[in-house]
Amino acid sequence: MLTQRKIDAVAYKGTQTFLIEIKPVANARALGQILMYQSLYRTYYPEVRDPVPMIVCGTVERDLDAMWTEHGILIEVA
């Protein structure tokens, strides 16, 4: 269990489940992490339909805008 990967936060709103990764910068590394967590979450919790990936960050690498959209990743700049 100590080596198990861990998402930063899981939030619920109505019937939606949000998988939240908190990063200073939403970059390619954050993209890979949140996609991996989404895949693992689907494996461990198959009863949860369509968990929504989300990154809360300070800044966003703009050259990845198409990737966020393509994968349905929500970005919240705080």
C-alpha atoms as a PDB file:
ATOM      1  CA  MET A   1       0.000   0.000   0.000  1.00  0.00           C
ATOM      2  CA  LEU A   2       2.873   2.428   0.660  1.00  0.00           C
ATOM      3  CA  THR A   3       3.947   2.334  -2.980  1.00  0.00           C
ATOM      4  CA  GLN A   4       0.430   2.656  -4.388  1.00  0.00           C
ATOM      5  CA  ARG A   5      -0.124   5.719  -6.550  1.00  0.00           C
ATOM      6  CA  LYS A   6      -2.419   8.304  -5.023  1.00  0.00           C
ATOM      7  CA  ILE A   7      -4.575  10.971  -6.592  1.00  0.00           C
ATOM      8  CA  ASP A   8      -4.460  14.309  -4.746  1.00  0.00           C
ATOM      9  CA  ALA A   9      -8.237  14.538  -4.257  1.00  0.00           C
ATOM     10  CA  VAL A  10     -11.523  12.957  -5.253  1.00  0.00           C
ATOM     11  CA  ALA A  11     -14.629  15.165  -5.173  1.00  0.00           C
ATOM     12  CA  TYR A  12     -18.291  14.479  -5.758  1.00  0.00           C
ATOM     13  CA  LYS A  13     -21.020  16.751  -7.135  1.00  0.00           C
ATOM     14  CA  GLY A  14     -24.347  15.066  -7.642  1.00  0.00           C
ATOM     15  CA  THR A  15     -23.622  11.873  -9.543  1.00  0.00           C
ATOM     16  CA  GLN A  16     -20.292  13.111 -10.939  1.00  0.00           C
ATOM     17  CA  THR A  17     -16.923  12.038  -9.578  1.00  0.00           C
ATOM     18  CA  PHE A  18     -13.964  14.382 -10.090  1.00  0.00           C
ATOM     19  CA  LEU A  19     -10.359  13.181  -9.932  1.00  0.00           C
ATOM     20  CA  ILE A  20      -8.245  16.176  -8.966  1.00  0.00           C
ATOM     21  CA  GLU A  21      -4.514  16.598  -9.391  1.00  0.00           C
ATOM     22  CA  ILE A  22      -2.961  19.737  -7.866  1.00  0.00           C
ATOM     23  CA  LYS A  23       0.107  21.133  -9.625  1.00  0.00           C
ATOM     24  CA  PRO A  24       1.952  24.453  -9.814  1.00  0.00           C
ATOM     25  CA  VAL A  25       1.916  24.130 -13.632  1.00  0.00           C
ATOM     26  CA  ALA A  26      -0.487  22.134 -15.816  1.00  0.00           C
ATOM     27  CA  ASN A  27       2.096  20.651 -18.174  1.00  0.00           C
ATOM     28  CA  ALA A  28       2.758  17.390 -20.036  1.00  0.00           C
ATOM     29  CA  ARG A  29       3.721  15.633 -16.813  1.00  0.00           C
ATOM     30  CA  ALA A  30       0.436  16.639 -15.152  1.00  0.00           C
ATOM     31  CA  LEU A  31      -1.421  15.470 -18.274  1.00  0.00           C
ATOM     32  CA  GLY A  32       0.169  12.027 -18.064  1.00  0.00           C
ATOM     33  CA  GLN A  33      -0.485  11.750 -14.344  1.00  0.00           C
ATOM     34  CA  ILE A  34      -4.171  12.623 -14.492  1.00  0.00           C
ATOM     35  CA  LEU A  35      -4.752  10.256 -17.437  1.00  0.00           C
ATOM     36  CA  MET A  36      -3.005   7.461 -15.528  1.00  0.00           C
ATOM     37  CA  TYR A  37      -5.079   8.155 -12.407  1.00  0.00           C
ATOM     38  CA  GLN A  38      -8.275   8.166 -14.463  1.00  0.00           C
ATOM     39  CA  SER A  39      -7.374   4.782 -15.962  1.00  0.00           C
ATOM     40  CA  LEU A  40      -6.470   3.290 -12.570  1.00  0.00           C
ATOM     41  CA  TYR A  41      -9.631   4.685 -10.971  1.00  0.00           C
ATOM     42  CA  ARG A  42     -11.737   3.039 -13.671  1.00  0.00           C
ATOM     43  CA  THR A  43      -9.948  -0.250 -12.968  1.00  0.00           C
ATOM     44  CA  TYR A  44     -10.420  -0.129  -9.173  1.00  0.00           C
ATOM     45  CA  TYR A  45     -13.889   1.446  -9.203  1.00  0.00           C
ATOM     46  CA  PRO A  46     -15.676   0.128 -12.314  1.00  0.00           C
ATOM     47  CA  GLU A  47     -19.036   1.112 -10.831  1.00  0.00           C
ATOM     48  CA  VAL A  48     -18.108   4.819 -11.173  1.00  0.00           C
ATOM     49  CA  ARG A  49     -19.190   5.964 -14.592  1.00  0.00           C
ATOM     50  CA  ASP A  50     -16.980   8.468 -16.364  1.00  0.00           C
ATOM     51  CA  PRO A  51     -14.830  10.000 -13.624  1.00  0.00           C
ATOM     52  CA  VAL A  52     -13.941  13.561 -14.663  1.00  0.00           C
ATOM     53  CA  PRO A  53     -10.207  14.370 -14.670  1.00  0.00           C
ATOM     54  CA  MET A  54      -9.323  17.815 -13.346  1.00  0.00           C
ATOM     55  CA  ILE A  55      -6.121  19.744 -12.727  1.00  0.00           C
ATOM     56  CA  VAL A  56      -5.997  22.639 -10.267  1.00  0.00           C
ATOM     57  CA  CYS A  57      -2.917  24.727 -10.971  1.00  0.00           C
ATOM     58  CA  GLY A  58      -1.239  28.106 -10.836  1.00  0.00           C
ATOM     59  CA  THR A  59      -0.464  28.323 -14.551  1.00  0.00           C
ATOM     60  CA  VAL A  60      -1.136  26.357 -17.730  1.00  0.00           C
ATOM     61  CA  GLU A  61       1.206  25.478 -20.579  1.00  0.00           C
ATOM     62  CA  ARG A  62      -0.866  26.819 -23.470  1.00  0.00           C
ATOM     63  CA  ASP A  63       0.645  24.565 -26.141  1.00  0.00           C
ATOM     64  CA  LEU A  64      -1.321  21.692 -24.569  1.00  0.00           C
ATOM     65  CA  ASP A  65      -4.789  23.302 -24.929  1.00  0.00           C
ATOM     66  CA  ALA A  66      -5.864  20.749 -27.545  1.00  0.00           C
ATOM     67  CA  MET A  67      -4.819  17.869 -25.284  1.00  0.00           C
ATOM     68  CA  TRP A  68      -6.895  19.102 -22.332  1.00  0.00           C
ATOM     69  CA  THR A  69      -9.930  19.343 -24.593  1.00  0.00           C
ATOM     70  CA  GLU A  70      -9.303  16.040 -26.385  1.00  0.00           C
ATOM     71  CA  HIS A  71      -9.156  14.129 -23.100  1.00  0.00           C
ATOM     72  CA  GLY A  72     -11.938  16.037 -21.354  1.00  0.00           C
ATOM     73  CA  ILE A  73      -9.634  17.360 -18.655  1.00  0.00           C
ATOM     74  CA  LEU A  74     -10.957  20.323 -16.707  1.00  0.00           C
ATOM     75  CA  ILE A  75      -8.402  22.988 -15.809  1.00  0.00           C
ATOM     76  CA  GLU A  76      -8.906  25.350 -12.892  1.00  0.00           C
ATOM     77  CA  VAL A  77      -6.315  28.077 -12.410  1.00  0.00           C
ATOM     78  CA  ALA A  78      -6.225  29.160  -8.787  1.00  0.00           C
END
